PDB file of N, CA and C in Angstrom:
ATOM      1  N   ALA A   1       0.826  -1.179   0.000  1.00  0.00           N
ATOM      2  CA  ALA A   1       0.000   0.000   0.000  1.00  0.00           C
ATOM      3  C   ALA A   1       0.877   1.252   0.000  1.00  0.00           C
ATOM      4  N   HIS A   2       1.956   1.214   0.775  1.00  0.00           N
ATOM      5  CA  HIS A   2       2.856   2.360   0.831  1.00  0.00           C
ATOM      6  C   HIS A   2       3.469   2.634  -0.545  1.00  0.00           C
ATOM      7  N   TYR A   3       3.912   1.591  -1.205  1.00  0.00           N
ATOM      8  CA  TYR A   3       4.533   1.752  -2.527  1.00  0.00           C
ATOM      9  C   TYR A   3       3.533   2.321  -3.534  1.00  0.00           C
ATOM     10  N   LEU A   4       2.327   1.801  -3.530  1.00  0.00           N
ATOM     11  CA  LEU A   4       1.308   2.295  -4.464  1.00  0.00           C
ATOM     12  C   LEU A   4       0.953   3.756  -4.192  1.00  0.00           C
ATOM     13  N   ALA A   5       0.965   4.134  -2.933  1.00  0.00           N
ATOM     14  CA  ALA A   5       0.607   5.505  -2.580  1.00  0.00           C
ATOM     15  C   ALA A   5       1.746   6.496  -2.827  1.00  0.00           C
ATOM     16  N   THR A   6       3.007   6.042  -2.634  1.00  0.00           N
ATOM     17  CA  THR A   6       4.129   6.977  -2.683  1.00  0.00           C
ATOM     18  C   THR A   6       5.146   6.700  -3.790  1.00  0.00           C
ATOM     19  N   GLY A   7       5.147   5.491  -4.319  1.00  0.00           N
ATOM     20  CA  GLY A   7       6.162   5.107  -5.297  1.00  0.00           C
ATOM     21  C   GLY A   7       7.487   4.727  -4.654  1.00  0.00           C
ATOM     22  N   GLU A   8       7.567   4.720  -3.332  1.00  0.00           N
ATOM     23  CA  GLU A   8       8.778   4.354  -2.594  1.00  0.00           C
ATOM     24  C   GLU A   8       8.635   2.973  -1.988  1.00  0.00           C
ATOM     25  N   GLN A   9       9.728   2.220  -2.034  1.00  0.00           N
ATOM     26  CA  GLN A   9       9.728   0.939  -1.337  1.00  0.00           C
ATOM     27  C   GLN A   9      10.242   1.147   0.070  1.00  0.00           C
ATOM     28  N   LEU A  10       9.602   0.505   1.017  1.00  0.00           N
ATOM     29  CA  LEU A  10      10.061   0.560   2.401  1.00  0.00           C
ATOM     30  C   LEU A  10      11.286  -0.327   2.564  1.00  0.00           C
ATOM     31  N   GLN A  11      12.097  -0.033   3.569  1.00  0.00           N
ATOM     32  CA  GLN A  11      13.239  -0.890   3.875  1.00  0.00           C
ATOM     33  C   GLN A  11      12.743  -2.236   4.370  1.00  0.00           C
ATOM     34  N   GLU A  12      13.557  -3.268   4.133  1.00  0.00           N
ATOM     35  CA  GLU A  12      13.243  -4.594   4.662  1.00  0.00           C
ATOM     36  C   GLU A  12      13.224  -4.513   6.186  1.00  0.00           C
ATOM     37  N   PRO A  13      12.324  -5.244   6.827  1.00  0.00           N
ATOM     38  CA  PRO A  13      12.318  -5.236   8.293  1.00  0.00           C
ATOM     39  C   PRO A  13      13.589  -5.899   8.828  1.00  0.00           C
ATOM     40  N   GLU A  14      13.989  -5.496  10.015  1.00  0.00           N
ATOM     41  CA  GLU A  14      15.176  -6.068  10.629  1.00  0.00           C
ATOM     42  C   GLU A  14      14.918  -7.521  10.999  1.00  0.00           C
ATOM     43  N   SER A  15      15.985  -8.291  10.963  1.00  0.00           N
ATOM     44  CA  SER A  15      15.914  -9.727  11.223  1.00  0.00           C
ATOM     45  C   SER A  15      15.322 -10.027  12.603  1.00  0.00           C
ATOM     46  N   GLN A  16      15.723  -9.272  13.615  1.00  0.00           N
ATOM     47  CA  GLN A  16      15.210  -9.524  14.962  1.00  0.00           C
ATOM     48  C   GLN A  16      13.702  -9.270  15.025  1.00  0.00           C
ATOM     49  N   TRP A  17      13.213  -8.261  14.321  1.00  0.00           N
ATOM     50  CA  TRP A  17      11.777  -7.985  14.286  1.00  0.00           C
ATOM     51  C   TRP A  17      11.037  -9.172  13.665  1.00  0.00           C
ATOM     52  N   ILE A  18      11.595  -9.733  12.589  1.00  0.00           N
ATOM     53  CA  ILE A  18      10.994 -10.910  11.951  1.00  0.00           C
ATOM     54  C   ILE A  18      10.990 -12.078  12.927  1.00  0.00           C
ATOM     55  N   GLY A  19      12.098 -12.264  13.642  1.00  0.00           N
ATOM     56  CA  GLY A  19      12.177 -13.336  14.635  1.00  0.00           C
ATOM     57  C   GLY A  19      11.138 -13.182  15.728  1.00  0.00           C
ATOM     58  N   ASP A  20      10.950 -11.969  16.208  1.00  0.00           N
ATOM     59  CA  ASP A  20       9.934 -11.719  17.237  1.00  0.00           C
ATOM     60  C   ASP A  20       8.540 -12.050  16.723  1.00  0.00           C
ATOM     61  N   LEU A  21       8.255 -11.622  15.504  1.00  0.00           N
ATOM     62  CA  LEU A  21       6.951 -11.893  14.900  1.00  0.00           C
ATOM     63  C   LEU A  21       6.742 -13.397  14.725  1.00  0.00           C
ATOM     64  N   LEU A  22       7.783 -14.086  14.264  1.00  0.00           N
ATOM     65  CA  LEU A  22       7.703 -15.537  14.089  1.00  0.00           C
ATOM     66  C   LEU A  22       7.450 -16.238  15.411  1.00  0.00           C
ATOM     67  N   LEU A  23       8.160 -15.851  16.459  1.00  0.00           N
ATOM     68  CA  LEU A  23       7.953 -16.489  17.758  1.00  0.00           C
ATOM     69  C   LEU A  23       6.527 -16.275  18.272  1.00  0.00           C
ATOM     70  N   GLU A  24       6.001 -15.095  18.038  1.00  0.00           N
ATOM     71  CA  GLU A  24       4.607 -14.823  18.423  1.00  0.00           C
ATOM     72  C   GLU A  24       3.646 -15.713  17.627  1.00  0.00           C
ATOM     73  N   HIS A  25       3.910 -15.850  16.342  1.00  0.00           N
ATOM     74  CA  HIS A  25       3.096 -16.698  15.470  1.00  0.00           C
ATOM     75  C   HIS A  25       3.152 -18.157  15.947  1.00  0.00           C
ATOM     76  N   LEU A  26       4.342 -18.620  16.289  1.00  0.00           N
ATOM     77  CA  LEU A  26       4.486 -20.010  16.728  1.00  0.00           C
ATOM     78  C   LEU A  26       3.756 -20.274  18.033  1.00  0.00           C
ATOM     79  N   GLU A  27       3.766 -19.310  18.943  1.00  0.00           N
ATOM     80  CA  GLU A  27       3.022 -19.490  20.194  1.00  0.00           C
ATOM     81  C   GLU A  27       1.541 -19.742  19.896  1.00  0.00           C
ATOM     82  N   ALA A  28       1.003 -19.017  18.925  1.00  0.00           N
ATOM     83  CA  ALA A  28      -0.400 -19.221  18.539  1.00  0.00           C
ATOM     84  C   ALA A  28      -0.598 -20.608  17.932  1.00  0.00           C
ATOM     85  N   LEU A  29       0.354 -21.049  17.110  1.00  0.00           N
ATOM     86  CA  LEU A  29       0.261 -22.392  16.518  1.00  0.00           C
ATOM     87  C   LEU A  29       0.319 -23.478  17.589  1.00  0.00           C
ATOM     88  N   TYR A  30       1.252 -23.345  18.526  1.00  0.00           N
ATOM     89  CA  TYR A  30       1.372 -24.340  19.598  1.00  0.00           C
ATOM     90  C   TYR A  30       0.099 -24.377  20.436  1.00  0.00           C
ATOM     91  N   SER A  31      -0.465 -23.210  20.687  1.00  0.00           N
ATOM     92  CA  SER A  31      -1.689 -23.128  21.478  1.00  0.00           C
ATOM     93  C   SER A  31      -2.871 -23.776  20.744  1.00  0.00           C
ATOM     94  N   LEU A  32      -2.948 -23.531  19.454  1.00  0.00           N
ATOM     95  CA  LEU A  32      -4.061 -24.058  18.664  1.00  0.00           C
ATOM     96  C   LEU A  32      -3.955 -25.559  18.433  1.00  0.00           C
ATOM     97  N   TYR A  33      -2.770 -26.030  18.055  1.00  0.00           N
ATOM     98  CA  TYR A  33      -2.596 -27.426  17.643  1.00  0.00           C
ATOM     99  C   TYR A  33      -1.983 -28.323  18.713  1.00  0.00           C
ATOM    100  N   GLY A  34      -1.540 -27.745  19.811  1.00  0.00           N
ATOM    101  CA  GLY A  34      -0.825 -28.521  20.817  1.00  0.00           C
ATOM    102  C   GLY A  34       0.663 -28.532  20.482  1.00  0.00           C
ATOM    103  N   GLN A  35       1.454 -28.897  21.457  1.00  0.00           N
ATOM    104  CA  GLN A  35       2.905 -28.837  21.300  1.00  0.00           C
ATOM    105  C   GLN A  35       3.409 -29.757  20.184  1.00  0.00           C
ATOM    106  N   ARG A  36       3.050 -31.011  20.230  1.00  0.00           N
ATOM    107  CA  ARG A  36       3.605 -31.992  19.284  1.00  0.00           C
ATOM    108  C   ARG A  36       3.224 -31.668  17.840  1.00  0.00           C
ATOM    109  N   HIS A  37       1.952 -31.506  17.609  1.00  0.00           N
ATOM    110  CA  HIS A  37       1.476 -31.230  16.250  1.00  0.00           C
ATOM    111  C   HIS A  37       1.860 -29.810  15.815  1.00  0.00           C
ATOM    112  N   GLY A  38       1.848 -28.871  16.763  1.00  0.00           N
ATOM    113  CA  GLY A  38       2.215 -27.492  16.467  1.00  0.00           C
ATOM    114  C   GLY A  38       3.646 -27.361  15.971  1.00  0.00           C
ATOM    115  N   VAL A  39       4.558 -28.132  16.549  1.00  0.00           N
ATOM    116  CA  VAL A  39       5.962 -28.112  16.119  1.00  0.00           C
ATOM    117  C   VAL A  39       6.067 -28.533  14.656  1.00  0.00           C
ATOM    118  N   ARG A  40       5.340 -29.543  14.282  1.00  0.00           N
ATOM    119  CA  ARG A  40       5.399 -30.032  12.899  1.00  0.00           C
ATOM    120  C   ARG A  40       4.781 -29.028  11.921  1.00  0.00           C
ATOM    121  N   ILE A  41       3.664 -28.449  12.281  1.00  0.00           N
ATOM    122  CA  ILE A  41       3.012 -27.459  11.422  1.00  0.00           C
ATOM    123  C   ILE A  41       3.871 -26.200  11.318  1.00  0.00           C
ATOM    124  N   ALA A  42       4.539 -25.855  12.411  1.00  0.00           N
ATOM    125  CA  ALA A  42       5.360 -24.640  12.446  1.00  0.00           C
ATOM    126  C   ALA A  42       6.496 -24.673  11.425  1.00  0.00           C
ATOM    127  N   ARG A  43       6.959 -25.845  11.061  1.00  0.00           N
ATOM    128  CA  ARG A  43       8.115 -25.950  10.164  1.00  0.00           C
ATOM    129  C   ARG A  43       7.913 -25.201   8.853  1.00  0.00           C
ATOM    130  N   LYS A  44       6.740 -25.328   8.253  1.00  0.00           N
ATOM    131  CA  LYS A  44       6.528 -24.633   6.979  1.00  0.00           C
ATOM    132  C   LYS A  44       6.463 -23.122   7.178  1.00  0.00           C
ATOM    133  N   HIS A  45       5.922 -22.688   8.301  1.00  0.00           N
ATOM    134  CA  HIS A  45       5.858 -21.259   8.590  1.00  0.00           C
ATOM    135  C   HIS A  45       7.259 -20.696   8.829  1.00  0.00           C
ATOM    136  N   ILE A  46       8.064 -21.445   9.553  1.00  0.00           N
ATOM    137  CA  ILE A  46       9.443 -21.031   9.805  1.00  0.00           C
ATOM    138  C   ILE A  46      10.194 -20.889   8.486  1.00  0.00           C
ATOM    139  N   ALA A  47       9.975 -21.819   7.569  1.00  0.00           N
ATOM    140  CA  ALA A  47      10.629 -21.752   6.248  1.00  0.00           C
ATOM    141  C   ALA A  47      10.214 -20.482   5.513  1.00  0.00           C
ATOM    142  N   TRP A  48       8.959 -20.105   5.584  1.00  0.00           N
ATOM    143  CA  TRP A  48       8.484 -18.893   4.900  1.00  0.00           C
ATOM    144  C   TRP A  48       9.140 -17.649   5.485  1.00  0.00           C
ATOM    145  N   TYR A  49       9.236 -17.582   6.804  1.00  0.00           N
ATOM    146  CA  TYR A  49       9.820 -16.406   7.449  1.00  0.00           C
ATOM    147  C   TYR A  49      11.316 -16.271   7.158  1.00  0.00           C
ATOM    148  N   SER A  50      11.995 -17.384   6.960  1.00  0.00           N
ATOM    149  CA  SER A  50      13.461 -17.354   6.828  1.00  0.00           C
ATOM    150  C   SER A  50      13.958 -17.406   5.389  1.00  0.00           C
ATOM    151  N   ARG A  51      13.102 -17.637   4.442  1.00  0.00           N
ATOM    152  CA  ARG A  51      13.515 -17.943   3.066  1.00  0.00           C
ATOM    153  C   ARG A  51      14.410 -16.890   2.418  1.00  0.00           C
ATOM    154  N   HIS A  52      14.299 -15.648   2.796  1.00  0.00           N
ATOM    155  CA  HIS A  52      15.051 -14.576   2.152  1.00  0.00           C
ATOM    156  C   HIS A  52      16.400 -14.284   2.815  1.00  0.00           C
ATOM    157  N   LEU A  53      16.724 -14.986   3.891  1.00  0.00           N
ATOM    158  CA  LEU A  53      17.957 -14.715   4.623  1.00  0.00           C
ATOM    159  C   LEU A  53      19.063 -15.698   4.245  1.00  0.00           C
ATOM    160  N   ARG A  54      20.291 -15.229   4.300  1.00  0.00           N
ATOM    161  CA  ARG A  54      21.438 -16.105   4.032  1.00  0.00           C
ATOM    162  C   ARG A  54      21.484 -17.227   5.051  1.00  0.00           C
ATOM    163  N   GLY A  55      21.800 -18.403   4.590  1.00  0.00           N
ATOM    164  CA  GLY A  55      21.905 -19.557   5.469  1.00  0.00           C
ATOM    165  C   GLY A  55      20.579 -20.212   5.764  1.00  0.00           C
ATOM    166  N   ALA A  56      19.522 -19.791   5.072  1.00  0.00           N
ATOM    167  CA  ALA A  56      18.180 -20.313   5.357  1.00  0.00           C
ATOM    168  C   ALA A  56      18.071 -21.809   5.093  1.00  0.00           C
ATOM    169  N   ALA A  57      18.713 -22.309   4.058  1.00  0.00           N
ATOM    170  CA  ALA A  57      18.606 -23.739   3.732  1.00  0.00           C
ATOM    171  C   ALA A  57      19.192 -24.588   4.861  1.00  0.00           C
ATOM    172  N   THR A  58      20.344 -24.200   5.363  1.00  0.00           N
ATOM    173  CA  THR A  58      20.968 -24.928   6.471  1.00  0.00           C
ATOM    174  C   THR A  58      20.111 -24.815   7.730  1.00  0.00           C
ATOM    175  N   PHE A  59      19.603 -23.620   7.973  1.00  0.00           N
ATOM    176  CA  PHE A  59      18.722 -23.391   9.118  1.00  0.00           C
ATOM    177  C   PHE A  59      17.493 -24.296   9.036  1.00  0.00           C
ATOM    178  N   ARG A  60      16.881 -24.387   7.871  1.00  0.00           N
ATOM    179  CA  ARG A  60      15.689 -25.229   7.704  1.00  0.00           C
ATOM    180  C   ARG A  60      16.010 -26.699   7.941  1.00  0.00           C
ATOM    181  N   GLN A  61      17.166 -27.144   7.510  1.00  0.00           N
ATOM    182  CA  GLN A  61      17.552 -28.534   7.765  1.00  0.00           C
ATOM    183  C   GLN A  61      17.614 -28.811   9.265  1.00  0.00           C
ATOM    184  N   LYS A  62      18.179 -27.871  10.003  1.00  0.00           N
ATOM    185  CA  LYS A  62      18.272 -28.032  11.468  1.00  0.00           C
ATOM    186  C   LYS A  62      16.898 -27.968  12.114  1.00  0.00           C
ATOM    187  N   ILE A  63      16.111 -26.987  11.728  1.00  0.00           N
ATOM    188  CA  ILE A  63      14.813 -26.774  12.369  1.00  0.00           C
ATOM    189  C   ILE A  63      13.866 -27.944  12.094  1.00  0.00           C
ATOM    190  N   ASN A  64      14.006 -28.577  10.948  1.00  0.00           N
ATOM    191  CA  ASN A  64      13.142 -29.703  10.600  1.00  0.00           C
ATOM    192  C   ASN A  64      13.454 -30.962  11.393  1.00  0.00           C
ATOM    193  N   GLN A  65      14.571 -30.984  12.087  1.00  0.00           N
ATOM    194  CA  GLN A  65      14.932 -32.133  12.916  1.00  0.00           C
ATOM    195  C   GLN A  65      14.496 -31.962  14.372  1.00  0.00           C
ATOM    196  N   VAL A  66      14.128 -30.755  14.737  1.00  0.00           N
ATOM    197  CA  VAL A  66      13.741 -30.465  16.121  1.00  0.00           C
ATOM    198  C   VAL A  66      12.324 -30.964  16.375  1.00  0.00           C
ATOM    199  N   GLU A  67      12.122 -31.584  17.540  1.00  0.00           N
ATOM    200  CA  GLU A  67      10.820 -32.173  17.870  1.00  0.00           C
ATOM    201  C   GLU A  67      10.117 -31.494  19.048  1.00  0.00           C
ATOM    202  N   ASP A  68      10.669 -30.379  19.547  1.00  0.00           N
ATOM    203  CA  ASP A  68      10.032 -29.726  20.693  1.00  0.00           C
ATOM    204  C   ASP A  68      10.020 -28.207  20.506  1.00  0.00           C
ATOM    205  N   THR A  69       9.110 -27.559  21.211  1.00  0.00           N
ATOM    206  CA  THR A  69       8.927 -26.119  21.053  1.00  0.00           C
ATOM    207  C   THR A  69      10.151 -25.333  21.507  1.00  0.00           C
ATOM    208  N   LYS A  70      10.753 -25.718  22.612  1.00  0.00           N
ATOM    209  CA  LYS A  70      11.927 -24.987  23.109  1.00  0.00           C
ATOM    210  C   LYS A  70      13.071 -25.069  22.097  1.00  0.00           C
ATOM    211  N   GLY A  71      13.274 -26.219  21.508  1.00  0.00           N
ATOM    212  CA  GLY A  71      14.320 -26.375  20.508  1.00  0.00           C
ATOM    213  C   GLY A  71      14.074 -25.470  19.310  1.00  0.00           C
ATOM    214  N   GLN A  72      12.820 -25.410  18.859  1.00  0.00           N
ATOM    215  CA  GLN A  72      12.490 -24.514  17.745  1.00  0.00           C
ATOM    216  C   GLN A  72      12.761 -23.068  18.124  1.00  0.00           C
ATOM    217  N   GLN A  73      12.304 -22.671  19.288  1.00  0.00           N
ATOM    218  CA  GLN A  73      12.466 -21.281  19.717  1.00  0.00           C
ATOM    219  C   GLN A  73      13.941 -20.917  19.870  1.00  0.00           C
ATOM    220  N   ASP A  74      14.735 -21.820  20.410  1.00  0.00           N
ATOM    221  CA  ASP A  74      16.165 -21.547  20.591  1.00  0.00           C
ATOM    222  C   ASP A  74      16.867 -21.376  19.243  1.00  0.00           C
ATOM    223  N   LEU A  75      16.568 -22.244  18.284  1.00  0.00           N
ATOM    224  CA  LEU A  75      17.177 -22.120  16.961  1.00  0.00           C
ATOM    225  C   LEU A  75      16.737 -20.843  16.253  1.00  0.00           C
ATOM    226  N   ILE A  76      15.481 -20.478  16.415  1.00  0.00           N
ATOM    227  CA  ILE A  76      14.966 -19.245  15.799  1.00  0.00           C
ATOM    228  C   ILE A  76      15.695 -18.038  16.376  1.00  0.00           C
ATOM    229  N   LYS A  77      15.850 -17.999  17.686  1.00  0.00           N
ATOM    230  CA  LYS A  77      16.559 -16.874  18.309  1.00  0.00           C
ATOM    231  C   LYS A  77      17.999 -16.806  17.818  1.00  0.00           C
ATOM    232  N   ALA A  78      18.664 -17.947  17.754  1.00  0.00           N
ATOM    233  CA  ALA A  78      20.054 -17.977  17.291  1.00  0.00           C
ATOM    234  C   ALA A  78      20.160 -17.508  15.841  1.00  0.00           C
ATOM    235  N   PHE A  79      19.206 -17.894  15.010  1.00  0.00           N
ATOM    236  CA  PHE A  79      19.256 -17.551  13.589  1.00  0.00           C
ATOM    237  C   PHE A  79      18.862 -16.102  13.326  1.00  0.00           C
ATOM    238  N   PHE A  80      17.757 -15.650  13.885  1.00  0.00           N
ATOM    239  CA  PHE A  80      17.235 -14.320  13.582  1.00  0.00           C
ATOM    240  C   PHE A  80      17.875 -13.204  14.397  1.00  0.00           C
ATOM    241  N   TYR A  81      18.332 -13.490  15.599  1.00  0.00           N
ATOM    242  CA  TYR A  81      18.847 -12.425  16.464  1.00  0.00           C
ATOM    243  C   TYR A  81      20.330 -12.156  16.269  1.00  0.00           C
ATOM    244  N   CYS A  82      21.015 -13.002  15.559  1.00  0.00           N
ATOM    245  CA  CYS A  82      22.464 -12.846  15.359  1.00  0.00           C
ATOM    246  C   CYS A  82      22.766 -12.400  13.925  1.00  0.00           C
ATOM    247  N   ARG A  83      22.046 -11.378  13.461  1.00  0.00           N
ATOM    248  CA  ARG A  83      22.219 -10.882  12.103  1.00  0.00           C
ATOM    249  C   ARG A  83      22.310  -9.373  12.125  1.00  0.00           C
ATOM    250  N   ASP A  84      22.899  -8.835  11.062  1.00  0.00           N
ATOM    251  CA  ASP A  84      22.933  -7.374  10.952  1.00  0.00           C
ATOM    252  C   ASP A  84      21.607  -6.883  10.377  1.00  0.00           C
ATOM    253  N   SER A  85      21.495  -5.607  10.163  1.00  0.00           N
ATOM    254  CA  SER A  85      20.231  -5.016   9.729  1.00  0.00           C
ATOM    255  C   SER A  85      19.823  -5.461   8.325  1.00  0.00           C
ATOM    256  N   ARG A  86      20.761  -6.020   7.541  1.00  0.00           N
ATOM    257  CA  ARG A  86      20.426  -6.482   6.190  1.00  0.00           C
ATOM    258  C   ARG A  86      20.200  -7.990   6.130  1.00  0.00           C
ATOM    259  N   GLY A  87      20.161  -8.654   7.279  1.00  0.00           N
ATOM    260  CA  GLY A  87      19.867 -10.076   7.317  1.00  0.00           C
ATOM    261  C   GLY A  87      21.060 -10.981   7.180  1.00  0.00           C
ATOM    262  N   LYS A  88      22.260 -10.413   7.171  1.00  0.00           N
ATOM    263  CA  LYS A  88      23.458 -11.240   7.076  1.00  0.00           C
ATOM    264  C   LYS A  88      23.875 -11.695   8.449  1.00  0.00           C
ATOM    265  N   ALA A  89      24.350 -12.937   8.534  1.00  0.00           N
ATOM    266  CA  ALA A  89      24.803 -13.460   9.821  1.00  0.00           C
ATOM    267  C   ALA A  89      25.938 -12.594  10.340  1.00  0.00           C
ATOM    268  N   ALA A  90      25.852 -12.258  11.613  1.00  0.00           N
ATOM    269  CA  ALA A  90      26.874 -11.391  12.235  1.00  0.00           C
ATOM    270  C   ALA A  90      28.092 -12.189  12.642  1.00  0.00           C
TER     271      ALA A  90
END
């Protein structure tokens, strides 16, 4: 909407902001589907949130092996919070 109204593209959101949003989204998934099933459903959502960042393929391989919510959350924090403002690993 901003681009259509102004002709300007907004800057990409910071990696940590994306990580925070993802963690909030996952809490809703875990609450709705339960821990076990929520972890499995969360995998595709995690892939969508991370697809544009460097190292996403390796990250997805790791995240797809995790079977618990804490493990998912820890990997997400490590991946999204340790990047510079352009999404590159720090």
